[in-house]
Amino acid sequence: MGKSVLVTGGAGFIGSHLCDRLRRDGHEVICFDNLFTGSRENIKHLLGDSRFTFVERDVQDPFFARVDRIFNLACPASPPHYQHDPVATVRTNVLGMMNMLELAKATGARLLQASTSEVYGDPLEHPQRETYWGNVDPLSRRACYDEGKRCAETLCSDYRRELGVDTKIVRIFNTYGPRMAKDDGRVVSNFVLQALRGDDLTVYGDGSYTRSFQYVDDLVEGLVRMMETDDFTGPVNLGNPGEFTILELAELTREMTGSTSRIVHLPAVESDPKQRRPDISFAKERLGWEPTVSLREGLEKTIEYFRTVV
């Protein structure tokens, strides 16, 4: 039987794909977004659906609706966006989290918090397990996001322990796919757009830093499974354990686009983590989940999308 589901950040890259999946599964969806990084374009195909409602509003403001499930995805997720107004980023993570927790408390809804691999900071443990507490600089330009998400996890845990709110936490690793914003500054969209335009592919540092890249459909499957698991609160890592250097990604992107772009090196970015790779043992064991889309397959779909928007 379909449920009433609120998705904050629902017009964003990940949120819009989640809204698509929830509607396909027969749920009534309220998409909540202030359109700072989200876009009506991402959800325009849903706007005529009688069981889909779009609410343009900021999660920092209290909100009430009778819902059964809350996916809290509201927050700028790329460095250029969350560093644009770092105080607003902290407020979104903390006040927005509290508003959604209060809504869950009032309605009895189950809430899933979309946390991030950035809670691990520049990790001293590799790959990263959920038991690792992280290595985060609270004074860096990234801290508004990293520490904001860490605080949001604390709030989820305290509302669950002290007030009995049904909360779940997932930690999302690098995710890519269609509907990524062209100006989000993430490495996959940067490389694909640079390659398609014939611009230089800009690698920060020597390109030896590693990331693990997860296709958006795999992530959405993990989010849905986590939400509907009754006996597991998390946190749980959702990511692809395949690990690639940034230079390898640049070379693969150039090959797959048929681009003649040069790869050029710029100075390394301050506080940029050197390694990212999830340990997904917990997700396999408790959710029966693991990624199924390879980097090459996912990049092919992503490149095809960006060819239509360049």
Protein backbone atom coordinates (compact mmCIF):
# COMPACT_ATOMS: atom_id res chain seq x y z
CA MET A 1 0.00 0.00 0.00
CA GLY A 2 1.32 3.44 -0.93
CA LYS A 3 2.53 5.82 1.76
CA SER A 4 2.74 9.60 2.03
CA VAL A 5 6.40 10.51 1.65
CA LEU A 6 8.17 13.86 2.10
CA VAL A 7 11.45 14.33 0.26
CA THR A 8 13.35 17.47 1.27
CA GLY A 9 15.81 18.53 -1.40
CA GLY A 10 13.49 16.67 -3.76
CA ALA A 11 14.21 18.84 -6.80
CA GLY A 12 17.94 18.21 -6.53
CA PHE A 13 20.04 15.72 -8.44
CA ILE A 14 19.58 12.77 -6.04
CA GLY A 15 16.23 13.90 -4.67
CA SER A 16 14.55 14.02 -8.06
CA HIS A 17 15.65 10.47 -8.88
CA LEU A 18 14.32 9.37 -5.49
CA CYS A 19 10.97 11.09 -6.21
CA ASP A 20 10.80 9.20 -9.52
CA ARG A 21 11.39 5.89 -7.76
CA LEU A 22 8.85 6.59 -4.99
CA ARG A 23 6.14 7.45 -7.51
CA ARG A 24 6.90 4.30 -9.50
CA ASP A 25 6.49 2.37 -6.25
CA GLY A 26 3.02 3.84 -5.79
CA HIS A 27 3.66 6.38 -3.03
CA GLU A 28 2.23 9.89 -2.71
CA VAL A 29 5.20 12.27 -2.78
CA ILE A 30 5.66 15.77 -1.40
CA CYS A 31 8.79 17.29 -2.94
CA PHE A 32 10.16 20.10 -0.75
CA ASP A 33 12.95 22.33 -2.09
CA ASN A 34 14.05 25.99 -1.98
CA LEU A 35 15.65 25.62 -5.45
CA PHE A 36 19.04 26.94 -4.33
CA THR A 37 20.76 23.96 -5.96
CA GLY A 38 17.65 22.06 -7.05
CA SER A 39 15.77 22.78 -10.25
CA ARG A 40 12.18 22.64 -11.51
CA GLU A 41 13.65 21.11 -14.65
CA ASN A 42 14.53 17.97 -12.65
CA ILE A 43 10.91 17.39 -11.65
CA LYS A 44 8.95 18.94 -14.53
CA HIS A 45 7.85 15.50 -15.74
CA LEU A 46 6.18 14.92 -12.35
CA LEU A 47 4.36 18.24 -11.96
CA GLY A 48 1.20 17.02 -13.69
CA ASP A 49 0.97 13.94 -11.46
CA SER A 50 -1.94 14.21 -8.99
CA ARG A 51 0.01 12.23 -6.38
CA PHE A 52 3.05 14.49 -6.58
CA THR A 53 3.17 17.88 -4.84
CA PHE A 54 5.96 20.42 -5.11
CA VAL A 55 6.48 22.85 -2.22
CA GLU A 56 9.00 25.65 -2.75
CA ARG A 57 10.24 26.35 0.75
CA ASP A 58 13.39 26.35 2.89
CA VAL A 59 13.92 23.49 5.32
CA GLN A 60 15.19 26.04 7.86
CA ASP A 61 11.55 27.11 8.29
CA PRO A 62 9.17 24.84 10.27
CA PHE A 63 6.80 22.81 8.12
CA PHE A 64 3.87 20.50 8.80
CA ALA A 65 2.26 17.81 6.69
CA ARG A 66 0.72 14.45 7.51
CA VAL A 67 3.35 12.03 6.24
CA ASP A 68 4.49 8.47 6.90
CA ARG A 69 8.07 8.79 5.72
CA ILE A 70 10.61 11.64 5.54
CA PHE A 71 13.76 11.51 3.41
CA ASN A 72 15.87 14.49 4.51
CA LEU A 73 18.17 15.30 1.59
CA ALA A 74 18.06 19.09 1.89
CA CYS A 75 21.56 20.61 1.80
CA PRO A 76 23.97 21.86 -0.85
CA ALA A 77 26.37 18.97 -1.38
CA SER A 78 29.19 20.31 -3.57
CA PRO A 79 31.98 22.54 -2.19
CA PRO A 80 31.25 25.60 -4.38
CA HIS A 81 27.62 25.54 -3.29
CA TYR A 82 27.96 24.79 0.42
CA GLN A 83 30.88 27.24 0.76
CA HIS A 84 28.89 30.01 -0.96
CA ASP A 85 27.12 30.74 2.34
CA PRO A 86 28.68 28.55 5.02
CA VAL A 87 26.46 29.86 7.81
CA ALA A 88 23.36 28.98 5.79
CA THR A 89 24.84 25.52 5.21
CA VAL A 90 25.22 24.97 8.95
CA ARG A 91 21.69 26.26 9.53
CA THR A 92 20.31 23.92 6.88
CA ASN A 93 22.06 20.95 8.46
CA VAL A 94 21.16 21.79 12.05
CA LEU A 95 17.90 23.81 12.02
CA GLY A 96 16.62 21.90 9.01
CA MET A 97 17.37 18.61 10.75
CA MET A 98 15.58 19.75 13.90
CA ASN A 99 12.53 20.88 11.92
CA MET A 100 12.25 17.52 10.18
CA LEU A 101 12.78 15.64 13.46
CA GLU A 102 10.04 17.71 15.08
CA LEU A 103 7.77 16.86 12.15
CA ALA A 104 8.61 13.16 12.54
CA LYS A 105 7.88 13.39 16.28
CA ALA A 106 4.53 15.11 15.68
CA THR A 107 3.33 12.70 12.99
CA GLY A 108 5.00 9.44 14.00
CA ALA A 109 6.77 9.35 10.65
CA ARG A 110 9.99 7.45 10.06
CA LEU A 111 12.86 9.75 9.06
CA LEU A 112 15.92 8.90 7.02
CA GLN A 113 18.80 11.37 7.21
CA ALA A 114 21.02 11.60 4.15
CA SER A 115 24.40 12.03 5.76
CA THR A 116 27.69 11.89 3.92
CA SER A 117 31.09 10.26 3.66
CA GLU A 118 32.45 13.71 4.52
CA VAL A 119 31.79 12.91 8.19
CA TYR A 120 34.98 10.82 7.91
CA GLY A 121 37.00 13.89 6.88
CA ASP A 122 40.49 13.13 5.54
CA PRO A 123 40.39 9.56 6.80
CA LEU A 124 43.19 7.81 8.65
CA GLU A 125 41.30 4.53 8.16
CA HIS A 126 40.95 3.01 4.68
CA PRO A 127 38.45 1.85 3.57
CA GLN A 128 36.06 3.69 5.88
CA ARG A 129 33.78 1.69 8.17
CA GLU A 130 30.78 3.05 10.03
CA THR A 131 32.63 2.60 13.34
CA TYR A 132 35.33 5.11 12.29
CA TRP A 133 34.86 8.49 14.00
CA GLY A 134 36.63 10.50 11.33
CA ASN A 135 39.41 13.06 10.97
CA VAL A 136 37.67 16.40 10.40
CA ASP A 137 39.15 19.89 10.68
CA PRO A 138 36.38 21.96 12.35
CA LEU A 139 38.02 25.22 11.21
CA SER A 140 38.36 24.47 7.50
CA ARG A 141 36.20 25.89 4.71
CA ARG A 142 34.64 22.44 4.34
CA ALA A 143 33.60 22.28 8.00
CA CYS A 144 30.23 23.98 7.47
CA TYR A 145 29.21 20.85 5.57
CA ASP A 146 31.29 18.18 7.34
CA GLU A 147 30.53 19.29 10.88
CA GLY A 148 26.97 20.26 9.97
CA LYS A 149 26.30 16.70 8.83
CA ARG A 150 28.01 15.29 11.91
CA CYS A 151 25.77 17.42 14.13
CA ALA A 152 22.71 16.27 12.17
CA GLU A 153 23.66 12.66 12.91
CA THR A 154 23.94 13.55 16.61
CA LEU A 155 20.46 15.11 16.55
CA CYS A 156 19.01 12.02 14.88
CA SER A 157 20.59 9.79 17.51
CA ASP A 158 19.40 11.94 20.42
CA TYR A 159 15.84 12.28 19.12
CA ARG A 160 15.74 8.50 18.74
CA ARG A 161 17.19 7.76 22.20
CA GLU A 162 15.46 10.51 24.19
CA LEU A 163 12.17 11.04 22.33
CA GLY A 164 11.57 7.73 20.57
CA VAL A 165 11.60 9.18 17.05
CA ASP A 166 12.08 6.53 14.37
CA THR A 167 15.30 7.69 12.66
CA LYS A 168 17.77 6.16 10.24
CA ILE A 169 21.14 7.42 8.99
CA VAL A 170 22.87 6.67 5.69
CA ARG A 171 26.30 7.98 4.72
CA ILE A 172 26.39 8.69 1.00
CA PHE A 173 29.66 8.42 -0.92
CA ASN A 174 30.40 10.18 -4.24
CA THR A 175 27.37 9.81 -6.48
CA TYR A 176 26.97 10.80 -10.12
CA GLY A 177 24.51 10.51 -12.98
CA PRO A 178 21.99 12.45 -15.09
CA ARG A 179 20.62 15.72 -13.63
CA MET A 180 23.86 16.69 -11.93
CA ALA A 181 24.05 20.47 -12.01
CA LYS A 182 26.49 21.87 -14.56
CA ASP A 183 27.95 24.28 -12.01
CA ASP A 184 28.18 21.95 -9.03
CA GLY A 185 31.95 21.65 -9.19
CA ARG A 186 31.99 17.88 -8.69
CA VAL A 187 34.68 15.97 -10.44
CA VAL A 188 32.50 13.79 -12.70
CA SER A 189 30.39 16.67 -14.06
CA ASN A 190 33.50 18.86 -14.36
CA PHE A 191 35.40 16.30 -16.42
CA VAL A 192 32.44 15.34 -18.63
CA LEU A 193 31.58 18.95 -19.45
CA GLN A 194 35.21 19.93 -20.03
CA ALA A 195 35.69 16.96 -22.34
CA LEU A 196 32.51 17.63 -24.33
CA ARG A 197 33.43 21.30 -24.75
CA GLY A 198 37.01 20.52 -25.73
CA ASP A 199 38.35 22.39 -22.68
CA ASP A 200 41.31 21.27 -20.61
CA LEU A 201 40.46 18.65 -17.98
CA THR A 202 41.57 20.23 -14.71
CA VAL A 203 43.10 17.89 -12.14
CA TYR A 204 43.86 19.42 -8.75
CA GLY A 205 47.17 18.18 -7.38
CA ASP A 206 48.97 15.26 -8.97
CA GLY A 207 45.78 13.25 -9.57
CA SER A 208 46.71 10.50 -7.12
CA TYR A 209 43.82 11.26 -4.77
CA THR A 210 41.20 8.50 -4.91
CA ARG A 211 37.42 8.46 -4.97
CA SER A 212 34.74 5.79 -5.26
CA PHE A 213 31.97 6.63 -7.71
CA GLN A 214 28.40 5.41 -7.27
CA TYR A 215 25.72 5.67 -9.96
CA VAL A 216 22.56 7.39 -8.75
CA ASP A 217 20.22 4.43 -9.40
CA ASP A 218 22.30 2.25 -7.06
CA LEU A 219 22.09 4.89 -4.34
CA VAL A 220 18.31 5.28 -4.67
CA GLU A 221 17.89 1.52 -4.31
CA GLY A 222 19.93 1.65 -1.09
CA LEU A 223 17.92 4.59 0.28
CA VAL A 224 14.62 2.81 -0.33
CA ARG A 225 15.83 -0.44 1.22
CA MET A 226 17.16 1.36 4.28
CA MET A 227 13.92 3.27 4.81
CA GLU A 228 11.83 0.09 4.75
CA THR A 229 14.09 -1.99 7.02
CA ASP A 230 12.41 -2.20 10.42
CA ASP A 231 15.21 -3.38 12.70
CA PHE A 232 18.22 -1.32 11.57
CA THR A 233 18.88 2.36 12.28
CA GLY A 234 22.40 2.75 10.88
CA PRO A 235 24.52 4.59 10.15
CA VAL A 236 25.29 2.65 7.02
CA ASN A 237 27.63 3.44 4.14
CA LEU A 238 26.06 3.62 0.68
CA GLY A 239 28.75 3.82 -1.96
CA ASN A 240 30.65 1.89 -4.59
CA PRO A 241 33.82 0.28 -3.20
CA GLY A 242 35.52 0.45 -6.61
CA GLU A 243 38.37 2.94 -6.12
CA PHE A 244 39.85 5.15 -8.84
CA THR A 245 42.39 7.92 -8.84
CA ILE A 246 41.22 11.29 -10.14
CA LEU A 247 43.71 10.96 -12.97
CA GLU A 248 42.22 7.59 -13.97
CA LEU A 249 38.76 9.17 -14.05
CA ALA A 250 40.03 12.02 -16.24
CA GLU A 251 41.60 9.59 -18.70
CA LEU A 252 38.49 7.39 -18.82
CA THR A 253 36.23 10.39 -19.39
CA ARG A 254 38.43 11.65 -22.21
CA GLU A 255 38.42 8.21 -23.83
CA MET A 256 34.65 7.71 -23.55
CA THR A 257 33.78 11.16 -24.93
CA GLY A 258 36.31 10.88 -27.74
CA SER A 259 37.72 14.20 -26.61
CA THR A 260 41.11 15.61 -27.56
CA SER A 261 41.21 17.75 -24.41
CA ARG A 262 44.47 18.01 -22.51
CA ILE A 263 44.74 17.00 -18.87
CA VAL A 264 46.27 19.86 -16.89
CA HIS A 265 47.28 19.99 -13.23
CA LEU A 266 46.37 22.83 -10.86
CA PRO A 267 47.33 23.31 -7.19
CA ALA A 268 45.68 20.89 -4.75
CA VAL A 269 42.52 22.06 -2.97
CA GLU A 270 42.76 22.87 0.75
CA SER A 271 41.49 20.08 3.06
CA ASP A 272 40.53 17.87 0.10
CA PRO A 273 40.47 14.25 1.40
CA LYS A 274 43.19 12.10 -0.14
CA GLN A 275 41.22 8.85 -0.08
CA ARG A 276 37.57 7.84 -0.28
CA ARG A 277 36.37 4.25 -0.33
CA PRO A 278 33.45 2.78 1.60
CA ASP A 279 33.41 -0.49 3.43
CA ILE A 280 29.91 -1.70 2.52
CA SER A 281 29.92 -4.96 4.51
CA PHE A 282 27.16 -3.61 6.73
CA ALA A 283 24.95 -2.67 3.77
CA LYS A 284 25.42 -6.10 2.23
CA GLU A 285 24.61 -7.85 5.50
CA ARG A 286 21.67 -5.76 6.73
CA LEU A 287 20.14 -4.49 3.47
CA GLY A 288 21.19 -7.11 0.95
CA TRP A 289 22.49 -4.15 -1.05
CA GLU A 290 25.52 -3.51 -3.21
CA PRO A 291 26.08 -1.43 -6.36
CA THR A 292 25.42 -3.09 -9.72
CA VAL A 293 26.33 -0.30 -12.18
CA SER A 294 29.98 -0.15 -13.25
CA LEU A 295 31.79 3.17 -13.61
CA ARG A 296 32.01 2.77 -17.38
CA GLU A 297 28.29 1.96 -17.69
CA GLY A 298 27.28 4.85 -15.43
CA LEU A 299 29.59 7.30 -17.18
CA GLU A 300 28.07 6.34 -20.54
CA LYS A 301 24.60 7.33 -19.28
CA THR A 302 25.95 10.50 -17.67
CA ILE A 303 27.81 11.58 -20.80
CA GLU A 304 24.68 10.95 -22.89
CA TYR A 305 22.73 13.26 -20.55
CA PHE A 306 25.30 16.03 -20.62
CA ARG A 307 25.47 15.95 -24.42
CA THR A 308 21.87 17.25 -24.34
CA VAL A 309 22.58 20.16 -21.98
CA VAL A 310 25.98 21.46 -23.08
